[in-house]
Amino acid sequence: MTEIKDILKLSIDERIHLVQTIWDSIATDTEVSEISEEHKKILDERLKAHKNNPDDVVKLG
């Protein structure tokens, strides 16, 4: 396994590429993972609440 100290020796471009590769692998893995029924219910409730009151949002900045 690669050590952190070895990763930190990479150039910035190489580290960015490594992070992008890792992120892409995480995205790919999560695309095939199943969302639990409990999480689906929560998402459905939040979407319904937003549709019922779209102006009720938290504005950042």
PDB file of N, CA and C in Angstrom:
ATOM      1  N   MET A   1       0.850  -1.185   0.000  1.00  0.00           N
ATOM      2  CA  MET A   1       0.000   0.000   0.000  1.00  0.00           C
ATOM      3  C   MET A   1       0.889   1.240   0.000  1.00  0.00           C
ATOM      4  N   THR A   2       0.453   2.254  -0.701  1.00  0.00           N
ATOM      5  CA  THR A   2       1.206   3.501  -0.790  1.00  0.00           C
ATOM      6  C   THR A   2       1.085   4.285   0.511  1.00  0.00           C
ATOM      7  N   GLU A   3       2.204   4.818   0.954  1.00  0.00           N
ATOM      8  CA  GLU A   3       2.237   5.630   2.178  1.00  0.00           C
ATOM      9  C   GLU A   3       1.897   7.079   1.840  1.00  0.00           C
ATOM     10  N   ILE A   4       1.318   7.779   2.786  1.00  0.00           N
ATOM     11  CA  ILE A   4       0.982   9.189   2.605  1.00  0.00           C
ATOM     12  C   ILE A   4       2.230   9.991   2.249  1.00  0.00           C
ATOM     13  N   LYS A   5       3.344   9.693   2.899  1.00  0.00           N
ATOM     14  CA  LYS A   5       4.574  10.447   2.635  1.00  0.00           C
ATOM     15  C   LYS A   5       4.984  10.317   1.179  1.00  0.00           C
ATOM     16  N   ASP A   6       4.705   9.156   0.569  1.00  0.00           N
ATOM     17  CA  ASP A   6       5.019   8.964  -0.848  1.00  0.00           C
ATOM     18  C   ASP A   6       4.075   9.774  -1.734  1.00  0.00           C
ATOM     19  N   ILE A   7       2.822   9.843  -1.335  1.00  0.00           N
ATOM     20  CA  ILE A   7       1.837  10.617  -2.101  1.00  0.00           C
ATOM     21  C   ILE A   7       2.204  12.097  -2.070  1.00  0.00           C
ATOM     22  N   LEU A   8       2.651  12.569  -0.919  1.00  0.00           N
ATOM     23  CA  LEU A   8       2.999  13.984  -0.780  1.00  0.00           C
ATOM     24  C   LEU A   8       4.232  14.363  -1.594  1.00  0.00           C
ATOM     25  N   LYS A   9       4.997  13.388  -2.030  1.00  0.00           N
ATOM     26  CA  LYS A   9       6.161  13.640  -2.891  1.00  0.00           C
ATOM     27  C   LYS A   9       5.747  13.865  -4.346  1.00  0.00           C
ATOM     28  N   LEU A  10       4.508  13.509  -4.690  1.00  0.00           N
ATOM     29  CA  LEU A  10       4.032  13.703  -6.059  1.00  0.00           C
ATOM     30  C   LEU A  10       3.861  15.189  -6.345  1.00  0.00           C
ATOM     31  N   SER A  11       3.897  15.534  -7.614  1.00  0.00           N
ATOM     32  CA  SER A  11       3.644  16.926  -7.991  1.00  0.00           C
ATOM     33  C   SER A  11       2.171  17.252  -7.731  1.00  0.00           C
ATOM     34  N   ILE A  12       1.854  18.519  -7.736  1.00  0.00           N
ATOM     35  CA  ILE A  12       0.469  18.935  -7.519  1.00  0.00           C
ATOM     36  C   ILE A  12      -0.437  18.332  -8.593  1.00  0.00           C
ATOM     37  N   ASP A  13      -0.004  18.372  -9.842  1.00  0.00           N
ATOM     38  CA  ASP A  13      -0.809  17.788 -10.924  1.00  0.00           C
ATOM     39  C   ASP A  13      -1.034  16.303 -10.704  1.00  0.00           C
ATOM     40  N   GLU A  14      -0.010  15.607 -10.262  1.00  0.00           N
ATOM     41  CA  GLU A  14      -0.146  14.160 -10.023  1.00  0.00           C
ATOM     42  C   GLU A  14      -1.089  13.891  -8.852  1.00  0.00           C
ATOM     43  N   ARG A  15      -1.003  14.720  -7.814  1.00  0.00           N
ATOM     44  CA  ARG A  15      -1.911  14.537  -6.669  1.00  0.00           C
ATOM     45  C   ARG A  15      -3.351  14.853  -7.050  1.00  0.00           C
ATOM     46  N   ILE A  16      -3.548  15.886  -7.859  1.00  0.00           N
ATOM     47  CA  ILE A  16      -4.898  16.215  -8.325  1.00  0.00           C
ATOM     48  C   ILE A  16      -5.449  15.058  -9.155  1.00  0.00           C
ATOM     49  N   HIS A  17      -4.632  14.515 -10.021  1.00  0.00           N
ATOM     50  CA  HIS A  17      -5.065  13.375 -10.833  1.00  0.00           C
ATOM     51  C   HIS A  17      -5.424  12.186  -9.937  1.00  0.00           C
ATOM     52  N   LEU A  18      -4.618  11.945  -8.904  1.00  0.00           N
ATOM     53  CA  LEU A  18      -4.888  10.844  -7.975  1.00  0.00           C
ATOM     54  C   LEU A  18      -6.220  11.055  -7.269  1.00  0.00           C
ATOM     55  N   VAL A  19      -6.457  12.276  -6.795  1.00  0.00           N
ATOM     56  CA  VAL A  19      -7.717  12.581  -6.105  1.00  0.00           C
ATOM     57  C   VAL A  19      -8.908  12.412  -7.047  1.00  0.00           C
ATOM     58  N   GLN A  20      -8.762  12.881  -8.286  1.00  0.00           N
ATOM     59  CA  GLN A  20      -9.848  12.726  -9.263  1.00  0.00           C
ATOM     60  C   GLN A  20     -10.128  11.250  -9.536  1.00  0.00           C
ATOM     61  N   THR A  21      -9.070  10.451  -9.630  1.00  0.00           N
ATOM     62  CA  THR A  21      -9.234   9.023  -9.864  1.00  0.00           C
ATOM     63  C   THR A  21      -9.945   8.367  -8.691  1.00  0.00           C
ATOM     64  N   ILE A  22      -9.553   8.731  -7.480  1.00  0.00           N
ATOM     65  CA  ILE A  22     -10.206   8.178  -6.291  1.00  0.00           C
ATOM     66  C   ILE A  22     -11.663   8.616  -6.247  1.00  0.00           C
ATOM     67  N   TRP A  23     -11.912   9.912  -6.507  1.00  0.00           N
ATOM     68  CA  TRP A  23     -13.289  10.420  -6.479  1.00  0.00           C
ATOM     69  C   TRP A  23     -14.163   9.703  -7.513  1.00  0.00           C
ATOM     70  N   ASP A  24     -13.619   9.516  -8.717  1.00  0.00           N
ATOM     71  CA  ASP A  24     -14.371   8.813  -9.760  1.00  0.00           C
ATOM     72  C   ASP A  24     -14.704   7.390  -9.329  1.00  0.00           C
ATOM     73  N   SER A  25     -13.775   6.726  -8.645  1.00  0.00           N
ATOM     74  CA  SER A  25     -14.041   5.355  -8.197  1.00  0.00           C
ATOM     75  C   SER A  25     -15.119   5.336  -7.125  1.00  0.00           C
ATOM     76  N   ILE A  26     -15.140   6.354  -6.268  1.00  0.00           N
ATOM     77  CA  ILE A  26     -16.187   6.448  -5.243  1.00  0.00           C
ATOM     78  C   ILE A  26     -17.540   6.692  -5.902  1.00  0.00           C
ATOM     79  N   ALA A  27     -17.569   7.598  -6.876  1.00  0.00           N
ATOM     80  CA  ALA A  27     -18.826   7.888  -7.579  1.00  0.00           C
ATOM     81  C   ALA A  27     -19.353   6.647  -8.276  1.00  0.00           C
ATOM     82  N   THR A  28     -18.463   5.897  -8.889  1.00  0.00           N
ATOM     83  CA  THR A  28     -18.871   4.670  -9.581  1.00  0.00           C
ATOM     84  C   THR A  28     -19.446   3.662  -8.598  1.00  0.00           C
ATOM     85  N   ASP A  29     -18.785   3.505  -7.456  1.00  0.00           N
ATOM     86  CA  ASP A  29     -19.258   2.553  -6.449  1.00  0.00           C
ATOM     87  C   ASP A  29     -20.598   2.967  -5.874  1.00  0.00           C
ATOM     88  N   THR A  30     -20.809   4.267  -5.674  1.00  0.00           N
ATOM     89  CA  THR A  30     -22.069   4.709  -5.082  1.00  0.00           C
ATOM     90  C   THR A  30     -23.219   4.647  -6.076  1.00  0.00           C
ATOM     91  N   GLU A  31     -22.906   4.702  -7.365  1.00  0.00           N
ATOM     92  CA  GLU A  31     -23.965   4.599  -8.373  1.00  0.00           C
ATOM     93  C   GLU A  31     -24.653   3.246  -8.312  1.00  0.00           C
ATOM     94  N   VAL A  32     -23.922   2.219  -7.947  1.00  0.00           N
ATOM     95  CA  VAL A  32     -24.501   0.885  -7.908  1.00  0.00           C
ATOM     96  C   VAL A  32     -25.019   0.515  -6.526  1.00  0.00           C
ATOM     97  N   SER A  33     -24.718   1.357  -5.508  1.00  0.00           N
ATOM     98  CA  SER A  33     -25.204   1.029  -4.178  1.00  0.00           C
ATOM     99  C   SER A  33     -26.682   1.384  -4.074  1.00  0.00           C
ATOM    100  N   GLU A  34     -27.361   0.655  -3.275  1.00  0.00           N
ATOM    101  CA  GLU A  34     -28.799   0.807  -3.115  1.00  0.00           C
ATOM    102  C   GLU A  34     -29.086   1.790  -1.980  1.00  0.00           C
ATOM    103  N   ILE A  35     -30.036   2.667  -2.173  1.00  0.00           N
ATOM    104  CA  ILE A  35     -30.468   3.589  -1.128  1.00  0.00           C
ATOM    105  C   ILE A  35     -31.519   2.861  -0.292  1.00  0.00           C
ATOM    106  N   SER A  36     -31.367   2.954   1.015  1.00  0.00           N
ATOM    107  CA  SER A  36     -32.310   2.266   1.900  1.00  0.00           C
ATOM    108  C   SER A  36     -33.698   2.889   1.771  1.00  0.00           C
ATOM    109  N   GLU A  37     -34.699   2.127   2.129  1.00  0.00           N
ATOM    110  CA  GLU A  37     -36.078   2.619   2.082  1.00  0.00           C
ATOM    111  C   GLU A  37     -36.254   3.808   3.022  1.00  0.00           C
ATOM    112  N   GLU A  38     -35.571   3.774   4.150  1.00  0.00           N
ATOM    113  CA  GLU A  38     -35.657   4.884   5.112  1.00  0.00           C
ATOM    114  C   GLU A  38     -35.113   6.164   4.490  1.00  0.00           C
ATOM    115  N   HIS A  39     -33.973   6.075   3.794  1.00  0.00           N
ATOM    116  CA  HIS A  39     -33.407   7.256   3.145  1.00  0.00           C
ATOM    117  C   HIS A  39     -34.291   7.736   1.998  1.00  0.00           C
ATOM    118  N   LYS A  40     -34.872   6.807   1.259  1.00  0.00           N
ATOM    119  CA  LYS A  40     -35.793   7.194   0.185  1.00  0.00           C
ATOM    120  C   LYS A  40     -36.973   7.967   0.748  1.00  0.00           C
ATOM    121  N   LYS A  41     -37.495   7.512   1.885  1.00  0.00           N
ATOM    122  CA  LYS A  41     -38.629   8.180   2.517  1.00  0.00           C
ATOM    123  C   LYS A  41     -38.255   9.600   2.922  1.00  0.00           C
ATOM    124  N   ILE A  42     -37.073   9.765   3.514  1.00  0.00           N
ATOM    125  CA  ILE A  42     -36.609  11.088   3.934  1.00  0.00           C
ATOM    126  C   ILE A  42     -36.458  12.008   2.726  1.00  0.00           C
ATOM    127  N   LEU A  43     -35.860  11.491   1.652  1.00  0.00           N
ATOM    128  CA  LEU A  43     -35.685  12.289   0.441  1.00  0.00           C
ATOM    129  C   LEU A  43     -37.028  12.689  -0.161  1.00  0.00           C
ATOM    130  N   ASP A  44     -37.964  11.746  -0.187  1.00  0.00           N
ATOM    131  CA  ASP A  44     -39.301  12.042  -0.711  1.00  0.00           C
ATOM    132  C   ASP A  44     -39.990  13.125   0.117  1.00  0.00           C
ATOM    133  N   GLU A  45     -39.849  13.049   1.446  1.00  0.00           N
ATOM    134  CA  GLU A  45     -40.465  14.047   2.320  1.00  0.00           C
ATOM    135  C   GLU A  45     -39.853  15.425   2.089  1.00  0.00           C
ATOM    136  N   ARG A  46     -38.532  15.473   1.941  1.00  0.00           N
ATOM    137  CA  ARG A  46     -37.863  16.761   1.717  1.00  0.00           C
ATOM    138  C   ARG A  46     -38.230  17.349   0.360  1.00  0.00           C
ATOM    139  N   LEU A  47     -38.333  16.500  -0.646  1.00  0.00           N
ATOM    140  CA  LEU A  47     -38.720  16.982  -1.965  1.00  0.00           C
ATOM    141  C   LEU A  47     -40.153  17.516  -1.946  1.00  0.00           C
ATOM    142  N   LYS A  48     -41.032  16.804  -1.271  1.00  0.00           N
ATOM    143  CA  LYS A  48     -42.428  17.243  -1.159  1.00  0.00           C
ATOM    144  C   LYS A  48     -42.501  18.579  -0.415  1.00  0.00           C
ATOM    145  N   ALA A  49     -41.736  18.705   0.674  1.00  0.00           N
ATOM    146  CA  ALA A  49     -41.729  19.953   1.442  1.00  0.00           C
ATOM    147  C   ALA A  49     -41.211  21.101   0.585  1.00  0.00           C
ATOM    148  N   HIS A  50     -40.200  20.844  -0.211  1.00  0.00           N
ATOM    149  CA  HIS A  50     -39.660  21.890  -1.094  1.00  0.00           C
ATOM    150  C   HIS A  50     -40.682  22.288  -2.158  1.00  0.00           C
ATOM    151  N   LYS A  51     -41.334  21.308  -2.745  1.00  0.00           N
ATOM    152  CA  LYS A  51     -42.339  21.610  -3.779  1.00  0.00           C
ATOM    153  C   LYS A  51     -43.508  22.401  -3.194  1.00  0.00           C
ATOM    154  N   ASN A  52     -43.864  22.108  -1.936  1.00  0.00           N
ATOM    155  CA  ASN A  52     -44.964  22.808  -1.293  1.00  0.00           C
ATOM    156  C   ASN A  52     -44.595  24.228  -0.893  1.00  0.00           C
ATOM    157  N   ASN A  53     -43.302  24.467  -0.648  1.00  0.00           N
ATOM    158  CA  ASN A  53     -42.870  25.786  -0.210  1.00  0.00           C
ATOM    159  C   ASN A  53     -41.448  26.054  -0.741  1.00  0.00           C
ATOM    160  N   PRO A  54     -41.312  26.295  -2.040  1.00  0.00           N
ATOM    161  CA  PRO A  54     -39.981  26.441  -2.640  1.00  0.00           C
ATOM    162  C   PRO A  54     -39.199  27.675  -2.164  1.00  0.00           C
ATOM    163  N   ASP A  55     -39.884  28.638  -1.547  1.00  0.00           N
ATOM    164  CA  ASP A  55     -39.181  29.828  -1.076  1.00  0.00           C
ATOM    165  C   ASP A  55     -38.595  29.642   0.327  1.00  0.00           C
ATOM    166  N   ASP A  56     -38.891  28.529   0.970  1.00  0.00           N
ATOM    167  CA  ASP A  56     -38.379  28.247   2.306  1.00  0.00           C
ATOM    168  C   ASP A  56     -37.009  27.578   2.174  1.00  0.00           C
ATOM    169  N   VAL A  57     -35.990  28.407   1.978  1.00  0.00           N
ATOM    170  CA  VAL A  57     -34.632  27.888   1.776  1.00  0.00           C
ATOM    171  C   VAL A  57     -33.653  28.652   2.661  1.00  0.00           C
ATOM    172  N   VAL A  58     -32.501  28.045   2.865  1.00  0.00           N
ATOM    173  CA  VAL A  58     -31.419  28.709   3.578  1.00  0.00           C
ATOM    174  C   VAL A  58     -30.508  29.305   2.521  1.00  0.00           C
ATOM    175  N   LYS A  59     -30.312  30.601   2.611  1.00  0.00           N
ATOM    176  CA  LYS A  59     -29.454  31.287   1.638  1.00  0.00           C
ATOM    177  C   LYS A  59     -28.105  31.520   2.268  1.00  0.00           C
ATOM    178  N   LEU A  60     -27.061  31.081   1.606  1.00  0.00           N
ATOM    179  CA  LEU A  60     -25.703  31.268   2.093  1.00  0.00           C
ATOM    180  C   LEU A  60     -25.103  32.513   1.495  1.00  0.00           C
ATOM    181  N   GLY A  61     -24.253  33.160   2.273  1.00  0.00           N
ATOM    182  CA  GLY A  61     -23.511  34.291   1.752  1.00  0.00           C
ATOM    183  C   GLY A  61     -24.137  35.560   1.955  1.00  0.00           C
TER     184      GLY A  61
END
